[in-house]
């Protein structure tokens, strides 16, 4: 009943309905965090934008498709969660929040990202999974401090060569895309620690043994006929990994050996800035 009432109230812009949805959130919280996730909101209440010292704003799992220009007042914001909404384009006002370290945009309807995203030079974590991206926007390659990029469950077929300029990038999640080949640019990124290409269409894996920073590679659920070679101590998740040997050729045939092991997934819990 509670969720049904919130759904009805979200369509009515009267102050009493908004007060119900926000549960009397009228003053700046002591912990400088506002969590309005799952409130069936169709717009961001303007008085939230008056909390100028706000550091964390969670708006996940609502019905938002735009944000007010007043959001620009939140210049201390470090974490902004807009995942599980109805955004077809990233509101440009988000790109004015220059202290952002973590931005969650997953599970929307984004087909691209604006060039203005380059203004977020403090961004360390970007989640753009489960959108409508057919290519990785090159503007992502201008986020020089980016450490974690989650671009899984899109329609990516390749990665731009400019990605290797992200010298701080340590983790890249690309599961559930349309990669037919292992992205060559990743072979030129020795600082990567985690590479996830689970659930793509990769048939052959080049050697990854030359990547000194690599700690984990997830390559399961690909139609590959080989496992990627890695340096000693690097964990592989997929067919013919540590738990079983690679197939041996007998009379020209290849014997497939599969593992009954689920691949690791990106962390489900939203992280804090370092």
Protein backbone atom coordinates (compact mmCIF):
# COMPACT_ATOMS: atom_id res chain seq x y z
CA UNK A 1 0.00 0.00 0.00
CA UNK A 2 2.85 2.39 0.86
CA UNK A 3 4.43 2.13 -2.58
CA UNK A 4 1.08 2.58 -4.28
CA UNK A 5 0.42 5.77 -2.33
CA UNK A 6 3.88 7.08 -3.22
CA UNK A 7 3.26 6.33 -6.88
CA UNK A 8 0.03 8.35 -6.80
CA UNK A 9 1.58 11.17 -4.79
CA UNK A 10 4.48 11.45 -7.21
CA UNK A 11 2.11 12.68 -9.94
CA UNK A 12 0.63 15.44 -7.76
CA UNK A 13 2.86 18.52 -7.31
CA UNK A 14 1.13 19.69 -4.16
CA UNK A 15 3.25 20.48 -1.10
CA UNK A 16 1.49 17.91 1.08
CA UNK A 17 2.22 15.12 -1.39
CA UNK A 18 5.83 16.18 -1.70
CA UNK A 19 6.11 16.29 2.08
CA UNK A 20 4.80 12.72 2.20
CA UNK A 21 7.30 11.55 -0.38
CA UNK A 22 10.22 13.27 1.34
CA UNK A 23 9.21 12.21 4.82
CA UNK A 24 9.63 15.70 6.28
CA UNK A 25 13.13 16.20 4.90
CA UNK A 26 13.26 19.97 5.30
CA UNK A 27 16.69 20.68 6.75
CA UNK A 28 20.24 19.86 5.79
CA UNK A 29 21.06 16.38 7.23
CA UNK A 30 23.88 16.26 9.73
CA UNK A 31 25.70 13.55 7.75
CA UNK A 32 25.47 15.67 4.57
CA UNK A 33 23.70 12.84 2.75
CA UNK A 34 20.25 12.69 1.19
CA UNK A 35 18.87 9.34 0.03
CA UNK A 36 15.67 9.63 -2.01
CA UNK A 37 16.01 6.27 -3.71
CA UNK A 38 12.82 4.40 -4.55
CA UNK A 39 10.45 7.28 -3.82
CA UNK A 40 8.69 7.25 -7.22
CA UNK A 41 9.88 10.83 -7.79
CA UNK A 42 9.30 12.39 -11.20
CA UNK A 43 11.24 15.55 -10.38
CA UNK A 44 13.82 16.60 -7.82
CA UNK A 45 12.32 18.81 -5.10
CA UNK A 46 13.97 22.22 -5.43
CA UNK A 47 14.61 22.71 -1.74
CA UNK A 48 17.13 19.85 -1.87
CA UNK A 49 19.27 22.13 -4.04
CA UNK A 50 19.50 24.58 -1.14
CA UNK A 51 21.54 22.07 0.90
CA UNK A 52 24.79 23.56 -0.38
CA UNK A 53 27.03 21.50 1.88
CA UNK A 54 25.54 18.23 0.64
CA UNK A 55 28.18 15.60 -0.17
CA UNK A 56 26.09 12.56 -1.18
CA UNK A 57 22.82 12.52 -3.12
CA UNK A 58 21.14 9.21 -3.96
CA UNK A 59 18.26 9.41 -6.45
CA UNK A 60 18.29 5.80 -7.61
CA UNK A 61 15.16 3.88 -8.64
CA UNK A 62 12.83 6.77 -9.36
CA UNK A 63 11.08 8.08 -12.49
CA UNK A 64 13.37 11.01 -13.20
CA UNK A 65 14.14 12.12 -16.77
CA UNK A 66 15.46 15.61 -16.06
CA UNK A 67 17.06 17.64 -13.26
CA UNK A 68 16.54 21.31 -12.34
CA UNK A 69 19.27 23.86 -13.15
CA UNK A 70 19.32 24.71 -9.44
CA UNK A 71 21.26 21.48 -8.88
CA UNK A 72 24.34 23.51 -9.81
CA UNK A 73 24.25 24.97 -6.30
CA UNK A 74 25.50 21.64 -4.88
CA UNK A 75 29.16 22.35 -5.56
CA UNK A 76 30.33 20.15 -2.67
CA UNK A 77 28.63 17.05 -4.01
CA UNK A 78 31.00 14.07 -4.32
CA UNK A 79 28.57 11.18 -4.95
CA UNK A 80 25.55 11.35 -7.24
CA UNK A 81 23.42 8.27 -7.96
CA UNK A 82 21.02 8.56 -10.90
CA UNK A 83 20.80 4.86 -11.75
CA UNK A 84 17.49 3.10 -12.42
CA UNK A 85 15.70 6.16 -13.79
CA UNK A 86 14.43 7.25 -17.22
CA UNK A 87 17.20 9.52 -18.47
CA UNK A 88 17.62 9.51 -22.26
CA UNK A 89 20.34 12.13 -21.98
CA UNK A 90 22.56 13.17 -19.10
CA UNK A 91 21.37 16.56 -17.82
CA UNK A 92 24.13 19.08 -18.47
CA UNK A 93 23.75 20.48 -14.98
CA UNK A 94 25.44 17.31 -13.68
CA UNK A 95 28.59 18.34 -15.55
CA UNK A 96 28.79 21.52 -13.46
CA UNK A 97 29.34 19.53 -10.24
CA UNK A 98 33.13 19.60 -10.42
CA UNK A 99 33.77 17.88 -7.08
CA UNK A 100 32.00 14.68 -8.14
CA UNK A 101 34.11 11.58 -7.47
CA UNK A 102 31.48 8.91 -8.09
CA UNK A 103 28.68 9.03 -10.66
CA UNK A 104 26.10 6.26 -11.11
CA UNK A 105 24.20 6.38 -14.42
CA UNK A 106 23.39 2.71 -14.88
CA UNK A 107 20.03 1.33 -15.96
CA UNK A 108 18.81 4.36 -17.87
CA UNK A 109 18.26 4.93 -21.60
CA UNK A 110 21.47 6.76 -22.48
CA UNK A 111 22.73 6.44 -26.05
CA UNK A 112 25.61 8.90 -25.58
CA UNK A 113 27.29 11.18 -23.06
CA UNK A 114 27.76 14.95 -23.48
CA UNK A 115 31.15 16.47 -24.22
CA UNK A 116 30.67 18.56 -21.08
CA UNK A 117 31.38 15.43 -19.05
CA UNK A 118 35.07 16.34 -19.46
CA UNK A 119 34.58 19.04 -16.83
CA UNK A 120 34.30 16.36 -14.13
CA UNK A 121 38.04 16.04 -13.68
CA UNK A 122 37.74 14.66 -10.14
CA UNK A 123 35.66 11.69 -11.24
CA UNK A 124 37.14 8.37 -10.12
CA UNK A 125 34.21 5.98 -10.57
CA UNK A 126 31.75 5.97 -13.47
CA UNK A 127 28.93 3.44 -13.82
CA UNK A 128 27.17 3.52 -17.20
CA UNK A 129 26.06 -0.12 -17.32
CA UNK A 130 22.70 -1.24 -18.75
CA UNK A 131 22.14 1.67 -21.10
CA UNK A 132 21.86 1.89 -24.91
CA UNK A 133 25.48 2.68 -25.73
CA UNK A 134 26.68 1.26 -29.04
CA UNK A 135 30.13 2.78 -28.52
CA UNK A 136 32.08 4.05 -25.55
CA UNK A 137 31.91 7.85 -25.71
CA UNK A 138 35.40 9.23 -26.27
CA UNK A 139 34.77 11.92 -23.67
CA UNK A 140 35.21 9.18 -21.04
CA UNK A 141 38.86 9.02 -22.12
CA UNK A 142 39.31 12.61 -20.91
CA UNK A 143 38.52 11.75 -17.27
CA UNK A 144 42.15 11.57 -16.22
CA UNK A 145 41.57 10.39 -12.62
CA UNK A 146 39.12 7.62 -13.50
CA UNK A 147 39.90 4.40 -11.63
CA UNK A 148 36.77 2.29 -12.17
CA UNK A 149 34.66 2.10 -15.32
CA UNK A 150 31.60 -0.13 -15.43
CA UNK A 151 30.19 -0.24 -18.98
CA UNK A 152 28.61 -3.68 -18.94
CA UNK A 153 25.28 -4.64 -20.51
CA UNK A 154 25.37 -2.19 -23.39
CA UNK A 155 25.93 -2.85 -27.11
CA UNK A 156 29.65 -2.06 -27.32
CA UNK A 157 31.56 -3.69 -30.20
CA UNK A 158 34.92 -1.99 -29.63
CA UNK A 159 36.78 0.45 -27.38
CA UNK A 160 38.46 3.68 -28.49
CA UNK A 161 42.27 3.73 -28.66
CA UNK A 162 42.22 6.89 -26.54
CA UNK A 163 41.27 4.77 -23.54
CA UNK A 164 44.94 4.00 -22.90
CA UNK A 165 45.42 7.63 -21.84
CA UNK A 166 43.57 6.80 -18.60
CA UNK A 167 46.69 5.98 -16.59
CA UNK A 168 44.76 5.78 -13.31
CA UNK A 169 42.25 3.22 -14.58
CA UNK A 170 42.48 -0.01 -12.60
CA UNK A 171 39.16 -1.79 -13.15
CA UNK A 172 37.07 -2.09 -16.29
CA UNK A 173 33.81 -4.07 -16.46
CA UNK A 174 32.63 -4.88 -20.00
CA UNK A 175 30.40 -7.91 -19.45
CA UNK A 176 27.29 -8.38 -21.54
CA UNK A 177 28.36 -6.42 -24.62
CA UNK A 178 28.89 -7.35 -28.29
CA UNK A 179 32.67 -7.61 -28.36
CA UNK A 180 33.73 -10.07 -31.08
CA UNK A 181 37.42 -9.50 -30.36
CA UNK A 182 39.35 -8.77 -27.21
CA UNK A 183 39.77 -4.95 -27.25
CA UNK A 184 43.36 -4.29 -28.45
CA UNK A 185 43.63 -1.09 -26.42
CA UNK A 186 43.53 -3.12 -23.19
CA UNK A 187 46.79 -4.80 -24.21
CA UNK A 188 48.47 -1.40 -23.96
CA UNK A 189 47.22 -0.67 -20.44
CA UNK A 190 49.74 -2.34 -18.07
CA UNK A 191 48.24 -0.62 -15.05
CA UNK A 192 44.89 -2.48 -15.27
CA UNK A 193 44.16 -4.77 -12.32
CA UNK A 194 40.72 -6.17 -13.22
CA UNK A 195 39.39 -6.88 -16.71
CA UNK A 196 35.87 -8.29 -17.09
CA UNK A 197 34.76 -9.33 -20.59
CA UNK A 198 32.27 -11.98 -19.46
CA UNK A 199 29.28 -12.66 -21.74
CA UNK A 200 30.60 -11.31 -25.03
CA UNK A 201 31.35 -12.99 -28.38
CA UNK A 202 35.13 -13.27 -28.15
CA UNK A 203 36.49 -16.36 -29.94
CA UNK A 204 40.20 -15.91 -29.29
CA UNK A 205 42.13 -14.39 -26.40
CA UNK A 206 45.61 -12.90 -26.85
CA UNK A 207 48.18 -13.33 -24.11
CA UNK A 208 47.77 -11.02 -21.12
CA UNK A 209 50.96 -12.23 -19.46
CA UNK A 210 52.74 -8.94 -20.20
CA UNK A 211 50.34 -6.89 -18.05
CA UNK A 212 52.23 -6.49 -14.75
CA UNK A 213 49.35 -4.97 -12.78
CA UNK A 214 46.74 -7.56 -13.70
CA UNK A 215 45.18 -9.43 -10.76
CA UNK A 216 41.91 -10.77 -12.17
CA UNK A 217 40.49 -11.47 -15.62
CA UNK A 218 36.90 -12.65 -16.10
CA UNK A 219 36.28 -14.11 -19.55
CA UNK A 220 33.53 -16.69 -18.99
CA UNK A 221 30.55 -17.16 -21.35
CA UNK A 222 32.48 -16.40 -24.54
CA UNK A 223 32.69 -18.80 -27.51
CA UNK A 224 36.47 -18.89 -27.09
CA UNK A 225 38.67 -21.90 -27.87
CA UNK A 226 41.47 -20.83 -25.55
CA UNK A 227 42.01 -19.24 -22.17
CA UNK A 228 43.99 -16.00 -21.98
CA UNK A 229 47.54 -16.56 -20.81
CA UNK A 230 48.36 -14.59 -17.69
CA UNK A 231 51.33 -14.06 -15.41
CA UNK A 232 51.81 -16.14 -12.28
CA UNK A 233 49.44 -15.20 -9.49
CA UNK A 234 46.77 -13.70 -11.75
CA UNK A 235 43.33 -15.23 -11.22
CA UNK A 236 41.25 -16.25 -14.22
CA UNK A 237 37.50 -16.89 -14.15
CA UNK A 238 36.27 -18.87 -17.13
CA UNK A 239 36.77 -22.09 -19.00
CA UNK A 240 40.10 -23.83 -18.53
CA UNK A 241 41.19 -21.56 -15.71
CA UNK A 242 43.19 -22.63 -12.67
CA UNK A 243 40.68 -25.28 -11.62
CA UNK A 244 40.98 -27.30 -14.84
CA UNK A 245 43.47 -27.57 -17.70
CA UNK A 246 43.02 -26.17 -21.17
CA UNK A 247 41.66 -28.64 -23.74
CA UNK A 248 44.10 -30.94 -25.48
CA UNK A 249 43.92 -31.62 -29.19
CA UNK A 250 43.29 -35.26 -30.11
CA UNK A 251 43.04 -36.22 -33.76
CA UNK A 252 42.31 -32.64 -34.69
CA UNK A 253 39.43 -32.33 -32.23
CA UNK A 254 39.29 -30.08 -29.20
CA UNK A 255 37.91 -31.45 -25.95
CA UNK A 256 35.94 -28.77 -24.12
CA UNK A 257 36.18 -28.61 -20.35
CA UNK A 258 33.79 -26.25 -18.61
CA UNK A 259 33.57 -25.04 -15.04
CA UNK A 260 30.47 -25.01 -12.94
CA UNK A 261 31.41 -21.65 -11.50
CA UNK A 262 29.67 -18.33 -11.77
CA UNK A 263 31.82 -15.35 -12.73
CA UNK A 264 32.53 -12.64 -10.23
CA UNK A 265 30.34 -9.58 -10.57
CA UNK A 266 31.09 -5.92 -9.99
CA UNK A 267 30.37 -4.80 -6.40
CA UNK A 268 26.66 -4.20 -5.89
CA UNK A 269 27.20 -1.81 -3.00
CA UNK A 270 27.81 1.80 -3.91
CA UNK A 271 31.30 2.82 -2.95
CA UNK A 272 32.69 5.82 -1.16
CA UNK A 273 35.28 8.20 -2.65
CA UNK A 274 38.89 7.44 -1.72
